[in-house]
Amino acid sequence: MCGSILLLSIFFMVLPYTNSFISLNNKVIDTFAQYITKIT
């Protein structure tokens, strides 16, 4: 539990610096989600 909270805090700390990559991240996340839904 503590580890996930730590990851979330790091994620939100890094988030402002990755604004220019949000569209790319969304594309990767969508592809990853489709890949997972195909497996299950």
PDB file of N, CA and C in Angstrom:
ATOM      1  N   MET A   1       0.829  -1.202   0.000  1.00  0.00           N
ATOM      2  CA  MET A   1       0.000   0.000   0.000  1.00  0.00           C
ATOM      3  C   MET A   1       0.862   1.249   0.000  1.00  0.00           C
ATOM      4  N   CYS A   2       1.874   1.276   0.865  1.00  0.00           N
ATOM      5  CA  CYS A   2       2.761   2.447   0.921  1.00  0.00           C
ATOM      6  C   CYS A   2       3.491   2.637  -0.406  1.00  0.00           C
ATOM      7  N   GLY A   3       3.847   1.522  -1.031  1.00  0.00           N
ATOM      8  CA  GLY A   3       4.555   1.622  -2.300  1.00  0.00           C
ATOM      9  C   GLY A   3       3.711   2.261  -3.383  1.00  0.00           C
ATOM     10  N   SER A   4       2.424   1.899  -3.422  1.00  0.00           N
ATOM     11  CA  SER A   4       1.543   2.474  -4.442  1.00  0.00           C
ATOM     12  C   SER A   4       1.323   3.955  -4.189  1.00  0.00           C
ATOM     13  N   ILE A   5       1.235   4.338  -2.909  1.00  0.00           N
ATOM     14  CA  ILE A   5       1.079   5.762  -2.577  1.00  0.00           C
ATOM     15  C   ILE A   5       2.330   6.524  -3.000  1.00  0.00           C
ATOM     16  N   LEU A   6       3.480   5.930  -2.777  1.00  0.00           N
ATOM     17  CA  LEU A   6       4.739   6.562  -3.183  1.00  0.00           C
ATOM     18  C   LEU A   6       4.783   6.728  -4.697  1.00  0.00           C
ATOM     19  N   LEU A   7       4.376   5.695  -5.429  1.00  0.00           N
ATOM     20  CA  LEU A   7       4.352   5.783  -6.892  1.00  0.00           C
ATOM     21  C   LEU A   7       3.396   6.866  -7.357  1.00  0.00           C
ATOM     22  N   LEU A   8       2.230   6.966  -6.706  1.00  0.00           N
ATOM     23  CA  LEU A   8       1.252   7.983  -7.082  1.00  0.00           C
ATOM     24  C   LEU A   8       1.808   9.377  -6.834  1.00  0.00           C
ATOM     25  N   SER A   9       2.477   9.565  -5.697  1.00  0.00           N
ATOM     26  CA  SER A   9       3.033  10.888  -5.389  1.00  0.00           C
ATOM     27  C   SER A   9       4.109  11.259  -6.402  1.00  0.00           C
ATOM     28  N   ILE A  10       4.950  10.294  -6.772  1.00  0.00           N
ATOM     29  CA  ILE A  10       5.978  10.560  -7.786  1.00  0.00           C
ATOM     30  C   ILE A  10       5.326  10.881  -9.122  1.00  0.00           C
ATOM     31  N   PHE A  11       4.265  10.138  -9.448  1.00  0.00           N
ATOM     32  CA  PHE A  11       3.561  10.364 -10.704  1.00  0.00           C
ATOM     33  C   PHE A  11       3.007  11.779 -10.778  1.00  0.00           C
ATOM     34  N   PHE A  12       2.374  12.232  -9.681  1.00  0.00           N
ATOM     35  CA  PHE A  12       1.792  13.571  -9.684  1.00  0.00           C
ATOM     36  C   PHE A  12       2.862  14.647  -9.613  1.00  0.00           C
ATOM     37  N   MET A  13       4.053  14.315  -9.074  1.00  0.00           N
ATOM     38  CA  MET A  13       5.159  15.272  -9.058  1.00  0.00           C
ATOM     39  C   MET A  13       5.733  15.439 -10.463  1.00  0.00           C
ATOM     40  N   VAL A  14       5.788  14.344 -11.212  1.00  0.00           N
ATOM     41  CA  VAL A  14       6.381  14.373 -12.550  1.00  0.00           C
ATOM     42  C   VAL A  14       5.388  14.875 -13.594  1.00  0.00           C
ATOM     43  N   LEU A  15       4.087  14.736 -13.285  1.00  0.00           N
ATOM     44  CA  LEU A  15       3.033  15.052 -14.252  1.00  0.00           C
ATOM     45  C   LEU A  15       3.161  16.424 -14.898  1.00  0.00           C
ATOM     46  N   PRO A  16       3.415  17.506 -14.153  1.00  0.00           N
ATOM     47  CA  PRO A  16       3.507  18.823 -14.803  1.00  0.00           C
ATOM     48  C   PRO A  16       4.605  18.904 -15.853  1.00  0.00           C
ATOM     49  N   TYR A  17       5.652  18.081 -15.704  1.00  0.00           N
ATOM     50  CA  TYR A  17       6.764  18.146 -16.655  1.00  0.00           C
ATOM     51  C   TYR A  17       6.488  17.351 -17.917  1.00  0.00           C
ATOM     52  N   THR A  18       5.425  16.538 -17.890  1.00  0.00           N
ATOM     53  CA  THR A  18       5.148  15.679 -19.040  1.00  0.00           C
ATOM     54  C   THR A  18       3.919  16.145 -19.802  1.00  0.00           C
ATOM     55  N   ASN A  19       3.532  17.409 -19.624  1.00  0.00           N
ATOM     56  CA  ASN A  19       2.339  17.914 -20.304  1.00  0.00           C
ATOM     57  C   ASN A  19       2.474  17.798 -21.820  1.00  0.00           C
ATOM     58  N   SER A  20       3.686  17.995 -22.336  1.00  0.00           N
ATOM     59  CA  SER A  20       3.880  17.949 -23.783  1.00  0.00           C
ATOM     60  C   SER A  20       3.776  16.520 -24.319  1.00  0.00           C
ATOM     61  N   PHE A  21       3.840  15.535 -23.406  1.00  0.00           N
ATOM     62  CA  PHE A  21       3.785  14.136 -23.843  1.00  0.00           C
ATOM     63  C   PHE A  21       2.451  13.481 -23.524  1.00  0.00           C
ATOM     64  N   ILE A  22       1.470  14.291 -23.072  1.00  0.00           N
ATOM     65  CA  ILE A  22       0.196  13.702 -22.630  1.00  0.00           C
ATOM     66  C   ILE A  22      -0.485  12.948 -23.773  1.00  0.00           C
ATOM     67  N   SER A  23      -0.496  13.527 -24.966  1.00  0.00           N
ATOM     68  CA  SER A  23      -1.155  12.862 -26.088  1.00  0.00           C
ATOM     69  C   SER A  23      -0.466  11.538 -26.405  1.00  0.00           C
ATOM     70  N   LEU A  24       0.869  11.534 -26.348  1.00  0.00           N
ATOM     71  CA  LEU A  24       1.610  10.298 -26.594  1.00  0.00           C
ATOM     72  C   LEU A  24       1.316   9.270 -25.509  1.00  0.00           C
ATOM     73  N   ASN A  25       1.299   9.723 -24.242  1.00  0.00           N
ATOM     74  CA  ASN A  25       0.994   8.815 -23.139  1.00  0.00           C
ATOM     75  C   ASN A  25      -0.397   8.229 -23.290  1.00  0.00           C
ATOM     76  N   ASN A  26      -1.371   9.050 -23.674  1.00  0.00           N
ATOM     77  CA  ASN A  26      -2.734   8.558 -23.860  1.00  0.00           C
ATOM     78  C   ASN A  26      -2.779   7.497 -24.953  1.00  0.00           C
ATOM     79  N   LYS A  27      -1.998   7.734 -26.017  1.00  0.00           N
ATOM     80  CA  LYS A  27      -1.976   6.772 -27.114  1.00  0.00           C
ATOM     81  C   LYS A  27      -1.397   5.441 -26.637  1.00  0.00           C
ATOM     82  N   VAL A  28      -0.318   5.513 -25.865  1.00  0.00           N
ATOM     83  CA  VAL A  28       0.315   4.297 -25.340  1.00  0.00           C
ATOM     84  C   VAL A  28      -0.621   3.584 -24.373  1.00  0.00           C
ATOM     85  N   ILE A  29      -1.279   4.359 -23.502  1.00  0.00           N
ATOM     86  CA  ILE A  29      -2.189   3.758 -22.522  1.00  0.00           C
ATOM     87  C   ILE A  29      -3.367   3.087 -23.222  1.00  0.00           C
ATOM     88  N   ASP A  30      -3.903   3.735 -24.250  1.00  0.00           N
ATOM     89  CA  ASP A  30      -5.020   3.143 -24.994  1.00  0.00           C
ATOM     90  C   ASP A  30      -4.596   1.833 -25.654  1.00  0.00           C
ATOM     91  N   THR A  31      -3.421   1.842 -26.266  1.00  0.00           N
ATOM     92  CA  THR A  31      -2.917   0.630 -26.907  1.00  0.00           C
ATOM     93  C   THR A  31      -2.711  -0.477 -25.883  1.00  0.00           C
ATOM     94  N   PHE A  32      -2.156  -0.110 -24.717  1.00  0.00           N
ATOM     95  CA  PHE A  32      -1.912  -1.081 -23.657  1.00  0.00           C
ATOM     96  C   PHE A  32      -3.223  -1.653 -23.130  1.00  0.00           C
ATOM     97  N   ALA A  33      -4.231  -0.778 -22.978  1.00  0.00           N
ATOM     98  CA  ALA A  33      -5.538  -1.231 -22.494  1.00  0.00           C
ATOM     99  C   ALA A  33      -6.177  -2.196 -23.487  1.00  0.00           C
ATOM    100  N   GLN A  34      -6.089  -1.874 -24.776  1.00  0.00           N
ATOM    101  CA  GLN A  34      -6.639  -2.765 -25.796  1.00  0.00           C
ATOM    102  C   GLN A  34      -5.911  -4.110 -25.775  1.00  0.00           C
ATOM    103  N   TYR A  35      -4.588  -4.072 -25.578  1.00  0.00           N
ATOM    104  CA  TYR A  35      -3.797  -5.305 -25.519  1.00  0.00           C
ATOM    105  C   TYR A  35      -4.253  -6.178 -24.351  1.00  0.00           C
ATOM    106  N   ILE A  36      -4.481  -5.533 -23.195  1.00  0.00           N
ATOM    107  CA  ILE A  36      -4.902  -6.287 -22.007  1.00  0.00           C
ATOM    108  C   ILE A  36      -6.308  -6.857 -22.194  1.00  0.00           C
ATOM    109  N   THR A  37      -7.208  -6.051 -22.759  1.00  0.00           N
ATOM    110  CA  THR A  37      -8.574  -6.550 -22.942  1.00  0.00           C
ATOM    111  C   THR A  37      -8.607  -7.693 -23.956  1.00  0.00           C
ATOM    112  N   LYS A  38      -7.665  -7.720 -24.888  1.00  0.00           N
ATOM    113  CA  LYS A  38      -7.607  -8.837 -25.835  1.00  0.00           C
ATOM    114  C   LYS A  38      -7.149 -10.110 -25.129  1.00  0.00           C
ATOM    115  N   ILE A  39      -6.230  -9.968 -24.163  1.00  0.00           N
ATOM    116  CA  ILE A  39      -5.716 -11.149 -23.455  1.00  0.00           C
ATOM    117  C   ILE A  39      -6.804 -11.767 -22.592  1.00  0.00           C
ATOM    118  N   THR A  40      -7.504 -10.957 -21.820  1.00  0.00           N
ATOM    119  CA  THR A  40      -8.475 -11.498 -20.861  1.00  0.00           C
ATOM    120  C   THR A  40      -9.737 -11.958 -21.554  1.00  0.00           C
TER     121      THR A  40
END
